[in-house]
Amino acid sequence: MSGLARLAHIIEQVNERLGRAVSWLALALVMVQFTVVVMRYVFGVSSIIMQESLLYLHGTLFMLAAGYTFLHEGHVRVDIFYREAGPRRRALVDLIGALVFLVPFCIALWALSWPYVASSWAVREGSAETSGIAAVYLLKGVILLFTGLIALAGAARLMRCVLVLTGHQTPPAAGADEEIIL
């Protein structure tokens, strides 16, 4: 395995492991939602912390699992150039897409969210509700983690594309990890 392929593999493993770990938040999300509904409609009790925790779980789940989703090509793709393309053309489309769209998106998101997240951390921002979760700054910090994970996943994809285009790696077999198109 070449150095570039090894580095891409390491990055992919980071997103794979984090995605699998974070996927457990979906179960926590369902359990908390069920508890909120039972508390409210059966016992007539509500909890701001429980309701806010749903936002925290939802946001964390989707932002931290984005790299995993990108790795497994679970994202939305406009299929005009991609469906009938061969492996080299797919690698070229992925390469151009990452350079033209993904890299600028990550740079812009990081640059625009840094002051927002930094100011939240500076004051250890808490909930607007008195009895809410006093850790809004942690949730906002996930924005930067999201950006980093997507950038890493994009870097791994770029490396794989370069390896395919230069003939140093054979592309995965057709249908190995492809999306289902209805």
N, C-alpha and C. Protein backbone atom coordinates (compact mmCIF):
# COMPACT_ATOMS: atom_id res chain seq x y z
N MET A 1 0.86 -1.18 0.00
CA MET A 1 0.00 0.00 0.00
C MET A 1 0.90 1.24 0.00
N SER A 2 0.64 2.13 -0.94
CA SER A 2 1.45 3.35 -1.03
C SER A 2 1.16 4.28 0.13
N GLY A 3 2.01 5.27 0.30
CA GLY A 3 1.83 6.23 1.38
C GLY A 3 0.52 6.99 1.27
N LEU A 4 0.16 7.37 0.05
CA LEU A 4 -1.09 8.10 -0.16
C LEU A 4 -2.30 7.21 0.16
N ALA A 5 -2.24 5.96 -0.27
CA ALA A 5 -3.33 5.03 0.02
C ALA A 5 -3.41 4.75 1.52
N ARG A 6 -2.28 4.66 2.18
CA ARG A 6 -2.26 4.41 3.63
C ARG A 6 -2.87 5.58 4.38
N LEU A 7 -2.51 6.81 3.97
CA LEU A 7 -3.07 8.00 4.61
C LEU A 7 -4.58 8.08 4.39
N ALA A 8 -5.03 7.80 3.17
CA ALA A 8 -6.46 7.80 2.88
C ALA A 8 -7.17 6.76 3.73
N HIS A 9 -6.55 5.59 3.89
CA HIS A 9 -7.14 4.53 4.70
C HIS A 9 -7.27 4.95 6.16
N ILE A 10 -6.25 5.60 6.69
CA ILE A 10 -6.29 6.06 8.09
C ILE A 10 -7.42 7.07 8.28
N ILE A 11 -7.53 8.02 7.37
CA ILE A 11 -8.60 9.03 7.45
C ILE A 11 -9.96 8.35 7.36
N GLU A 12 -10.09 7.40 6.45
CA GLU A 12 -11.36 6.70 6.31
C GLU A 12 -11.70 5.91 7.57
N GLN A 13 -10.70 5.34 8.21
CA GLN A 13 -10.94 4.58 9.44
C GLN A 13 -11.39 5.50 10.58
N VAL A 14 -10.85 6.71 10.63
CA VAL A 14 -11.28 7.68 11.65
C VAL A 14 -12.78 7.96 11.47
N ASN A 15 -13.17 8.27 10.23
CA ASN A 15 -14.58 8.56 9.96
C ASN A 15 -15.46 7.32 10.15
N GLU A 16 -14.95 6.16 9.79
CA GLU A 16 -15.70 4.91 9.97
C GLU A 16 -15.97 4.65 11.44
N ARG A 17 -14.94 4.71 12.25
CA ARG A 17 -15.09 4.41 13.68
C ARG A 17 -15.95 5.45 14.39
N LEU A 18 -15.71 6.72 14.06
CA LEU A 18 -16.51 7.78 14.68
C LEU A 18 -17.97 7.66 14.26
N GLY A 19 -18.20 7.38 12.99
CA GLY A 19 -19.58 7.22 12.50
C GLY A 19 -20.31 6.08 13.19
N ARG A 20 -19.62 4.98 13.37
CA ARG A 20 -20.24 3.83 14.06
C ARG A 20 -20.51 4.15 15.53
N ALA A 21 -19.58 4.85 16.17
CA ALA A 21 -19.77 5.21 17.58
C ALA A 21 -20.92 6.21 17.73
N VAL A 22 -20.95 7.21 16.87
CA VAL A 22 -21.96 8.26 16.95
C VAL A 22 -23.34 7.72 16.58
N SER A 23 -23.39 6.64 15.80
CA SER A 23 -24.69 6.10 15.40
C SER A 23 -25.52 5.67 16.61
N TRP A 24 -24.87 5.40 17.73
CA TRP A 24 -25.60 5.05 18.95
C TRP A 24 -26.42 6.22 19.48
N LEU A 25 -26.08 7.43 19.05
CA LEU A 25 -26.87 8.58 19.46
C LEU A 25 -28.30 8.49 18.89
N ALA A 26 -28.46 7.78 17.78
CA ALA A 26 -29.81 7.62 17.22
C ALA A 26 -30.70 6.85 18.20
N LEU A 27 -30.14 5.83 18.81
CA LEU A 27 -30.90 5.08 19.82
C LEU A 27 -31.21 5.97 21.03
N ALA A 28 -30.22 6.72 21.47
CA ALA A 28 -30.44 7.64 22.60
C ALA A 28 -31.51 8.67 22.25
N LEU A 29 -31.47 9.16 21.02
CA LEU A 29 -32.45 10.14 20.56
C LEU A 29 -33.87 9.57 20.63
N VAL A 30 -34.05 8.36 20.17
CA VAL A 30 -35.37 7.72 20.21
C VAL A 30 -35.81 7.50 21.66
N MET A 31 -34.89 7.04 22.50
CA MET A 31 -35.24 6.77 23.89
C MET A 31 -35.63 8.05 24.64
N VAL A 32 -34.87 9.13 24.40
CA VAL A 32 -35.19 10.39 25.07
C VAL A 32 -36.52 10.93 24.55
N GLN A 33 -36.74 10.85 23.24
CA GLN A 33 -38.01 11.33 22.68
C GLN A 33 -39.19 10.54 23.26
N PHE A 34 -39.04 9.24 23.35
CA PHE A 34 -40.09 8.41 23.94
C PHE A 34 -40.35 8.82 25.39
N THR A 35 -39.29 9.06 26.13
CA THR A 35 -39.42 9.46 27.53
C THR A 35 -40.13 10.80 27.65
N VAL A 36 -39.78 11.76 26.79
CA VAL A 36 -40.42 13.08 26.81
C VAL A 36 -41.92 12.94 26.54
N VAL A 37 -42.28 12.13 25.56
CA VAL A 37 -43.69 11.95 25.22
C VAL A 37 -44.44 11.29 26.38
N VAL A 38 -43.86 10.25 26.96
CA VAL A 38 -44.52 9.56 28.08
C VAL A 38 -44.66 10.51 29.26
N MET A 39 -43.58 11.25 29.56
CA MET A 39 -43.64 12.18 30.69
C MET A 39 -44.75 13.22 30.49
N ARG A 40 -44.84 13.74 29.27
CA ARG A 40 -45.79 14.81 29.01
C ARG A 40 -47.22 14.31 28.96
N TYR A 41 -47.47 13.25 28.21
CA TYR A 41 -48.85 12.84 27.97
C TYR A 41 -49.39 11.82 28.96
N VAL A 42 -48.53 11.13 29.65
CA VAL A 42 -49.00 10.17 30.65
C VAL A 42 -48.96 10.78 32.04
N PHE A 43 -47.86 11.47 32.35
CA PHE A 43 -47.70 12.00 33.70
C PHE A 43 -47.92 13.51 33.80
N GLY A 44 -48.07 14.20 32.67
CA GLY A 44 -48.32 15.64 32.69
C GLY A 44 -47.12 16.45 33.15
N VAL A 45 -45.92 15.93 32.95
CA VAL A 45 -44.69 16.59 33.39
C VAL A 45 -43.82 16.89 32.17
N SER A 46 -43.17 18.05 32.18
CA SER A 46 -42.25 18.33 31.07
C SER A 46 -40.90 18.74 31.65
N SER A 47 -39.89 18.61 30.83
CA SER A 47 -38.53 18.92 31.25
C SER A 47 -37.80 19.65 30.13
N ILE A 48 -37.37 20.85 30.39
CA ILE A 48 -36.64 21.62 29.39
C ILE A 48 -35.32 20.95 29.06
N ILE A 49 -34.66 20.41 30.06
CA ILE A 49 -33.38 19.72 29.82
C ILE A 49 -33.58 18.54 28.87
N MET A 50 -34.63 17.77 29.09
CA MET A 50 -34.90 16.62 28.23
C MET A 50 -35.20 17.09 26.80
N GLN A 51 -35.97 18.16 26.67
CA GLN A 51 -36.29 18.65 25.33
C GLN A 51 -35.07 19.23 24.64
N GLU A 52 -34.26 19.97 25.37
CA GLU A 52 -33.04 20.50 24.77
C GLU A 52 -32.05 19.40 24.42
N SER A 53 -32.04 18.33 25.22
CA SER A 53 -31.12 17.23 24.92
C SER A 53 -31.43 16.60 23.57
N LEU A 54 -32.69 16.67 23.14
CA LEU A 54 -33.05 16.17 21.82
C LEU A 54 -32.34 16.98 20.73
N LEU A 55 -32.28 18.29 20.91
CA LEU A 55 -31.57 19.13 19.94
C LEU A 55 -30.08 18.82 19.93
N TYR A 56 -29.52 18.64 21.11
CA TYR A 56 -28.09 18.32 21.21
C TYR A 56 -27.78 16.98 20.55
N LEU A 57 -28.60 15.97 20.85
CA LEU A 57 -28.38 14.65 20.27
C LEU A 57 -28.54 14.67 18.75
N HIS A 58 -29.59 15.33 18.29
CA HIS A 58 -29.86 15.40 16.85
C HIS A 58 -28.72 16.11 16.12
N GLY A 59 -28.35 17.28 16.61
CA GLY A 59 -27.28 18.04 15.96
C GLY A 59 -25.96 17.30 15.98
N THR A 60 -25.62 16.72 17.10
CA THR A 60 -24.36 15.99 17.23
C THR A 60 -24.35 14.77 16.32
N LEU A 61 -25.45 14.04 16.31
CA LEU A 61 -25.54 12.84 15.46
C LEU A 61 -25.30 13.19 13.99
N PHE A 62 -26.02 14.16 13.49
CA PHE A 62 -25.92 14.45 12.07
C PHE A 62 -24.61 15.14 11.69
N MET A 63 -24.09 15.97 12.55
CA MET A 63 -22.84 16.65 12.19
C MET A 63 -21.63 15.73 12.31
N LEU A 64 -21.59 14.89 13.32
CA LEU A 64 -20.44 14.01 13.48
C LEU A 64 -20.51 12.77 12.59
N ALA A 65 -21.69 12.42 12.11
CA ALA A 65 -21.82 11.28 11.21
C ALA A 65 -21.72 11.69 9.74
N ALA A 66 -21.54 12.96 9.46
CA ALA A 66 -21.48 13.43 8.08
C ALA A 66 -20.27 12.85 7.33
N GLY A 67 -19.13 12.77 7.98
CA GLY A 67 -17.95 12.19 7.35
C GLY A 67 -18.17 10.72 7.03
N TYR A 68 -18.82 10.01 7.92
CA TYR A 68 -19.15 8.59 7.70
C TYR A 68 -20.10 8.46 6.51
N THR A 69 -21.09 9.33 6.45
CA THR A 69 -22.05 9.31 5.34
C THR A 69 -21.34 9.60 4.02
N PHE A 70 -20.44 10.55 4.03
CA PHE A 70 -19.66 10.88 2.83
C PHE A 70 -18.78 9.69 2.42
N LEU A 71 -18.17 9.06 3.39
CA LEU A 71 -17.32 7.89 3.14
C LEU A 71 -18.09 6.78 2.45
N HIS A 72 -19.33 6.56 2.86
CA HIS A 72 -20.16 5.50 2.30
C HIS A 72 -21.08 5.98 1.18
N GLU A 73 -20.80 7.17 0.67
CA GLU A 73 -21.53 7.77 -0.44
C GLU A 73 -23.04 7.79 -0.20
N GLY A 74 -23.41 8.13 1.03
CA GLY A 74 -24.81 8.23 1.38
C GLY A 74 -25.36 9.63 1.20
N HIS A 75 -24.55 10.54 0.70
CA HIS A 75 -24.97 11.92 0.48
C HIS A 75 -25.77 12.03 -0.81
N VAL A 76 -26.36 13.17 -1.01
CA VAL A 76 -27.13 13.43 -2.22
C VAL A 76 -26.16 13.73 -3.35
N ARG A 77 -26.43 13.12 -4.49
CA ARG A 77 -25.56 13.33 -5.65
C ARG A 77 -26.45 13.57 -6.86
N VAL A 78 -26.11 14.58 -7.65
CA VAL A 78 -26.78 14.78 -8.92
C VAL A 78 -26.14 13.79 -9.88
N ASP A 79 -26.96 12.92 -10.42
CA ASP A 79 -26.47 11.73 -11.11
C ASP A 79 -26.29 11.90 -12.62
N ILE A 80 -26.22 13.10 -13.12
CA ILE A 80 -26.15 13.33 -14.56
C ILE A 80 -24.88 12.74 -15.17
N PHE A 81 -23.73 13.01 -14.57
CA PHE A 81 -22.46 12.58 -15.13
C PHE A 81 -21.96 11.28 -14.53
N TYR A 82 -22.58 10.82 -13.50
CA TYR A 82 -21.99 9.77 -12.67
C TYR A 82 -22.54 8.38 -12.94
N ARG A 83 -23.82 8.26 -13.21
CA ARG A 83 -24.48 6.95 -13.27
C ARG A 83 -23.87 6.03 -14.31
N GLU A 84 -23.70 6.50 -15.50
CA GLU A 84 -23.20 5.66 -16.60
C GLU A 84 -21.69 5.72 -16.77
N ALA A 85 -21.02 6.46 -15.92
CA ALA A 85 -19.57 6.66 -16.06
C ALA A 85 -18.79 5.44 -15.59
N GLY A 86 -17.63 5.28 -16.20
CA GLY A 86 -16.71 4.23 -15.76
C GLY A 86 -15.93 4.69 -14.54
N PRO A 87 -15.11 3.83 -13.98
CA PRO A 87 -14.39 4.14 -12.76
C PRO A 87 -13.47 5.37 -12.86
N ARG A 88 -12.77 5.51 -13.98
CA ARG A 88 -11.87 6.67 -14.12
C ARG A 88 -12.66 7.97 -14.24
N ARG A 89 -13.76 7.94 -14.98
CA ARG A 89 -14.57 9.15 -15.11
C ARG A 89 -15.23 9.49 -13.77
N ARG A 90 -15.65 8.50 -13.02
CA ARG A 90 -16.22 8.75 -11.69
C ARG A 90 -15.17 9.39 -10.79
N ALA A 91 -13.94 8.89 -10.88
CA ALA A 91 -12.86 9.47 -10.08
C ALA A 91 -12.62 10.92 -10.48
N LEU A 92 -12.69 11.20 -11.78
CA LEU A 92 -12.51 12.58 -12.26
C LEU A 92 -13.64 13.49 -11.79
N VAL A 93 -14.88 13.01 -11.86
CA VAL A 93 -16.03 13.80 -11.39
C VAL A 93 -15.90 14.05 -9.89
N ASP A 94 -15.53 13.02 -9.13
CA ASP A 94 -15.34 13.18 -7.68
C ASP A 94 -14.22 14.18 -7.38
N LEU A 95 -13.14 14.10 -8.13
CA LEU A 95 -12.00 15.00 -7.94
C LEU A 95 -12.41 16.45 -8.20
N ILE A 96 -13.06 16.68 -9.31
CA ILE A 96 -13.50 18.04 -9.65
C ILE A 96 -14.54 18.53 -8.65
N GLY A 97 -15.48 17.68 -8.31
CA GLY A 97 -16.51 18.07 -7.34
C GLY A 97 -15.92 18.45 -5.99
N ALA A 98 -14.93 17.67 -5.54
CA ALA A 98 -14.30 17.97 -4.26
C ALA A 98 -13.52 19.28 -4.32
N LEU A 99 -12.79 19.49 -5.41
CA LEU A 99 -11.98 20.71 -5.52
C LEU A 99 -12.83 21.96 -5.73
N VAL A 100 -13.91 21.83 -6.49
CA VAL A 100 -14.73 23.00 -6.82
C VAL A 100 -15.78 23.30 -5.75
N PHE A 101 -16.32 22.26 -5.14
CA PHE A 101 -17.41 22.47 -4.19
C PHE A 101 -17.03 22.16 -2.74
N LEU A 102 -16.49 20.99 -2.48
CA LEU A 102 -16.27 20.56 -1.10
C LEU A 102 -15.19 21.37 -0.39
N VAL A 103 -14.05 21.53 -1.01
CA VAL A 103 -12.95 22.27 -0.37
C VAL A 103 -13.35 23.72 -0.10
N PRO A 104 -13.91 24.46 -1.09
CA PRO A 104 -14.34 25.83 -0.78
C PRO A 104 -15.42 25.89 0.30
N PHE A 105 -16.35 24.92 0.30
CA PHE A 105 -17.39 24.87 1.32
C PHE A 105 -16.76 24.72 2.70
N CYS A 106 -15.83 23.80 2.84
CA CYS A 106 -15.19 23.57 4.14
C CYS A 106 -14.42 24.80 4.61
N ILE A 107 -13.70 25.42 3.70
CA ILE A 107 -12.94 26.63 4.05
C ILE A 107 -13.88 27.75 4.49
N ALA A 108 -14.94 27.96 3.70
CA ALA A 108 -15.90 29.03 4.04
C ALA A 108 -16.61 28.74 5.35
N LEU A 109 -17.05 27.51 5.55
CA LEU A 109 -17.75 27.17 6.78
C LEU A 109 -16.85 27.34 7.99
N TRP A 110 -15.61 26.89 7.88
CA TRP A 110 -14.66 27.04 8.99
C TRP A 110 -14.44 28.52 9.30
N ALA A 111 -14.17 29.30 8.26
CA ALA A 111 -13.88 30.73 8.45
C ALA A 111 -15.08 31.48 9.02
N LEU A 112 -16.27 31.15 8.56
CA LEU A 112 -17.47 31.86 9.03
C LEU A 112 -17.92 31.39 10.41
N SER A 113 -17.69 30.13 10.74
CA SER A 113 -18.17 29.63 12.02
C SER A 113 -17.16 29.82 13.15
N TRP A 114 -15.89 30.01 12.84
CA TRP A 114 -14.89 30.16 13.90
C TRP A 114 -15.23 31.29 14.88
N PRO A 115 -15.52 32.52 14.41
CA PRO A 115 -15.86 33.59 15.38
C PRO A 115 -17.12 33.27 16.18
N TYR A 116 -18.10 32.67 15.55
CA TYR A 116 -19.36 32.29 16.20
C TYR A 116 -19.10 31.28 17.32
N VAL A 117 -18.31 30.26 17.02
CA VAL A 117 -18.00 29.22 18.00
C VAL A 117 -17.06 29.77 19.08
N ALA A 118 -16.07 30.54 18.68
CA ALA A 118 -15.09 31.08 19.64
C ALA A 118 -15.78 32.01 20.65
N SER A 119 -16.70 32.84 20.18
CA SER A 119 -17.38 33.75 21.11
C SER A 119 -18.27 32.96 22.08
N SER A 120 -18.85 31.88 21.60
CA SER A 120 -19.68 31.03 22.47
C SER A 120 -18.82 30.36 23.54
N TRP A 121 -17.64 29.88 23.14
CA TRP A 121 -16.73 29.24 24.10
C TRP A 121 -16.16 30.26 25.08
N ALA A 122 -15.92 31.48 24.60
CA ALA A 122 -15.32 32.51 25.47
C ALA A 122 -16.20 32.81 26.68
N VAL A 123 -17.50 32.76 26.49
CA VAL A 123 -18.41 33.06 27.61
C VAL A 123 -19.06 31.81 28.17
N ARG A 124 -18.64 30.64 27.66
CA ARG A 124 -19.24 29.36 28.08
C ARG A 124 -20.77 29.46 28.00
N GLU A 125 -21.23 29.81 26.80
CA GLU A 125 -22.65 30.07 26.55
C GLU A 125 -23.53 28.91 27.01
N GLY A 126 -24.58 29.26 27.68
CA GLY A 126 -25.55 28.28 28.15
C GLY A 126 -26.90 28.49 27.49
N SER A 127 -27.85 27.76 27.94
CA SER A 127 -29.20 27.81 27.40
C SER A 127 -29.86 29.15 27.71
N ALA A 128 -30.77 29.56 26.85
CA ALA A 128 -31.57 30.76 27.10
C ALA A 128 -32.60 30.49 28.20
N GLU A 129 -32.91 29.24 28.41
CA GLU A 129 -33.85 28.83 29.46
C GLU A 129 -33.09 28.66 30.78
N THR A 130 -33.70 29.12 31.87
CA THR A 130 -33.07 29.03 33.19
C THR A 130 -32.71 27.60 33.57
N SER A 131 -33.61 26.67 33.29
CA SER A 131 -33.35 25.29 33.67
C SER A 131 -32.88 24.44 32.48
N GLY A 132 -32.33 25.11 31.45
CA GLY A 132 -31.85 24.39 30.27
C GLY A 132 -30.42 23.89 30.44
N ILE A 133 -29.90 23.31 29.39
CA ILE A 133 -28.54 22.78 29.40
C ILE A 133 -27.56 23.94 29.28
N ALA A 134 -26.64 24.00 30.20
CA ALA A 134 -25.69 25.12 30.24
C ALA A 134 -24.44 24.82 29.43
N ALA A 135 -24.63 24.28 28.23
CA ALA A 135 -23.46 23.90 27.42
C ALA A 135 -23.72 24.11 25.93
N VAL A 136 -24.34 25.22 25.57
CA VAL A 136 -24.58 25.53 24.16
C VAL A 136 -23.25 25.64 23.43
N TYR A 137 -22.22 26.11 24.10
CA TYR A 137 -20.90 26.25 23.47
C TYR A 137 -20.37 24.90 22.99
N LEU A 138 -20.68 23.81 23.69
CA LEU A 138 -20.24 22.49 23.24
C LEU A 138 -20.95 22.10 21.94
N LEU A 139 -22.24 22.37 21.88
CA LEU A 139 -22.99 22.07 20.66
C LEU A 139 -22.47 22.89 19.49
N LYS A 140 -22.20 24.16 19.73
CA LYS A 140 -21.67 25.00 18.65
C LYS A 140 -20.27 24.54 18.23
N GLY A 141 -19.50 24.01 19.16
CA GLY A 141 -18.18 23.48 18.83
C GLY A 141 -18.23 22.32 17.86
N VAL A 142 -19.35 21.62 17.85
CA VAL A 142 -19.51 20.48 16.93
C VAL A 142 -19.49 20.96 15.48
N ILE A 143 -19.83 22.21 15.24
CA ILE A 143 -19.79 22.76 13.88
C ILE A 143 -18.37 22.66 13.33
N LEU A 144 -17.39 23.00 14.15
CA LEU A 144 -16.00 22.92 13.69
C LEU A 144 -15.56 21.47 13.51
N LEU A 145 -16.04 20.58 14.37
CA LEU A 145 -15.73 19.16 14.21
C LEU A 145 -16.34 18.64 12.90
N PHE A 146 -17.57 19.04 12.63
CA PHE A 146 -18.23 18.67 11.38
C PHE A 146 -17.39 19.10 10.18
N THR A 147 -16.95 20.35 10.20
CA THR A 147 -16.16 20.87 9.09
C THR A 147 -14.87 20.08 8.93
N GLY A 148 -14.20 19.79 10.04
CA GLY A 148 -12.97 19.02 9.98
C GLY A 148 -13.17 17.61 9.47
N LEU A 149 -14.23 16.94 9.92
CA LEU A 149 -14.49 15.57 9.48
C LEU A 149 -14.86 15.51 8.00
N ILE A 150 -15.65 16.46 7.54
CA ILE A 150 -15.98 16.51 6.12
C ILE A 150 -14.73 16.82 5.30
N ALA A 151 -13.91 17.73 5.78
CA ALA A 151 -12.67 18.05 5.07
C ALA A 151 -11.75 16.83 5.00
N LEU A 152 -11.64 16.10 6.10
CA LEU A 152 -10.82 14.88 6.11
C LEU A 152 -11.38 13.83 5.14
N ALA A 153 -12.69 13.64 5.18
CA ALA A 153 -13.31 12.68 4.26
C ALA A 153 -13.09 13.10 2.81
N GLY A 154 -13.18 14.40 2.56
CA GLY A 154 -12.92 14.92 1.22
C GLY A 154 -11.47 14.73 0.81
N ALA A 155 -10.55 14.91 1.75
CA ALA A 155 -9.13 14.71 1.45
C ALA A 155 -8.87 13.25 1.11
N ALA A 156 -9.49 12.34 1.86
CA ALA A 156 -9.33 10.91 1.57
C ALA A 156 -9.90 10.59 0.19
N ARG A 157 -11.05 11.16 -0.14
CA ARG A 157 -11.65 10.93 -1.46
C ARG A 157 -10.74 11.48 -2.56
N LEU A 158 -10.18 12.67 -2.33
CA LEU A 158 -9.25 13.24 -3.32
C LEU A 158 -8.06 12.32 -3.53
N MET A 159 -7.50 11.79 -2.44
CA MET A 159 -6.36 10.87 -2.56
C MET A 159 -6.74 9.63 -3.35
N ARG A 160 -7.90 9.07 -3.06
CA ARG A 160 -8.36 7.88 -3.79
C ARG A 160 -8.55 8.20 -5.27
N CYS A 161 -9.10 9.37 -5.57
CA CYS A 161 -9.29 9.77 -6.97
C CYS A 161 -7.96 9.89 -7.69
N VAL A 162 -6.99 10.51 -7.05
CA VAL A 162 -5.66 10.65 -7.65
C VAL A 162 -5.04 9.28 -7.90
N LEU A 163 -5.19 8.38 -6.93
CA LEU A 163 -4.65 7.03 -7.09
C LEU A 163 -5.31 6.29 -8.26
N VAL A 164 -6.62 6.44 -8.40
CA VAL A 164 -7.33 5.79 -9.51
C VAL A 164 -6.91 6.41 -10.83
N LEU A 165 -6.86 7.74 -10.89
CA LEU A 165 -6.53 8.43 -12.14
C LEU A 165 -5.08 8.19 -12.58
N THR A 166 -4.19 7.96 -11.64
CA THR A 166 -2.79 7.69 -11.99
C THR A 166 -2.51 6.21 -12.17
N GLY A 167 -3.54 5.37 -11.97
CA GLY A 167 -3.38 3.94 -12.17
C GLY A 167 -2.72 3.21 -11.02
N HIS A 168 -2.58 3.85 -9.87
CA HIS A 168 -1.93 3.23 -8.72
C HIS A 168 -2.92 2.46 -7.84
N GLN A 169 -4.20 2.57 -8.14
CA GLN A 169 -5.21 1.85 -7.37
C GLN A 169 -6.35 1.49 -8.29
N THR A 170 -6.84 0.29 -8.15
CA THR A 170 -8.01 -0.09 -8.93
C THR A 170 -9.25 0.39 -8.19
N PRO A 171 -10.21 0.92 -8.92
CA PRO A 171 -11.43 1.40 -8.27
C PRO A 171 -12.21 0.22 -7.69
N PRO A 172 -13.07 0.48 -6.70
CA PRO A 172 -13.89 -0.60 -6.15
C PRO A 172 -14.79 -1.20 -7.22
N ALA A 173 -15.16 -2.44 -7.03
CA ALA A 173 -16.04 -3.11 -7.99
C ALA A 173 -17.37 -2.38 -8.07
N ALA A 174 -17.95 -2.38 -9.25
CA ALA A 174 -19.24 -1.70 -9.45
C ALA A 174 -20.27 -2.26 -8.49
N GLY A 175 -20.97 -1.36 -7.81
CA GLY A 175 -22.01 -1.77 -6.89
C GLY A 175 -21.50 -2.13 -5.50
N ALA A 176 -20.20 -2.03 -5.27
CA ALA A 176 -19.62 -2.43 -3.98
C ALA A 176 -20.14 -1.58 -2.85
N ASP A 177 -20.26 -0.29 -3.07
CA ASP A 177 -20.70 0.60 -2.01
C ASP A 177 -21.47 1.76 -2.63
N GLU A 178 -22.34 1.43 -3.56
CA GLU A 178 -23.03 2.48 -4.30
C GLU A 178 -24.40 2.76 -3.71
N GLU A 179 -24.91 3.92 -4.07
CA GLU A 179 -26.22 4.31 -3.63
C GLU A 179 -27.29 3.58 -4.44
N ILE A 180 -28.46 3.50 -3.89
CA ILE A 180 -29.58 2.89 -4.60
C ILE A 180 -30.37 4.01 -5.25
N ILE A 181 -30.56 3.90 -6.53
CA ILE A 181 -31.27 4.94 -7.27
C ILE A 181 -32.63 4.39 -7.66
N LEU A 182 -33.68 5.06 -7.21
CA LEU A 182 -35.04 4.60 -7.51
C LEU A 182 -35.61 5.36 -8.68
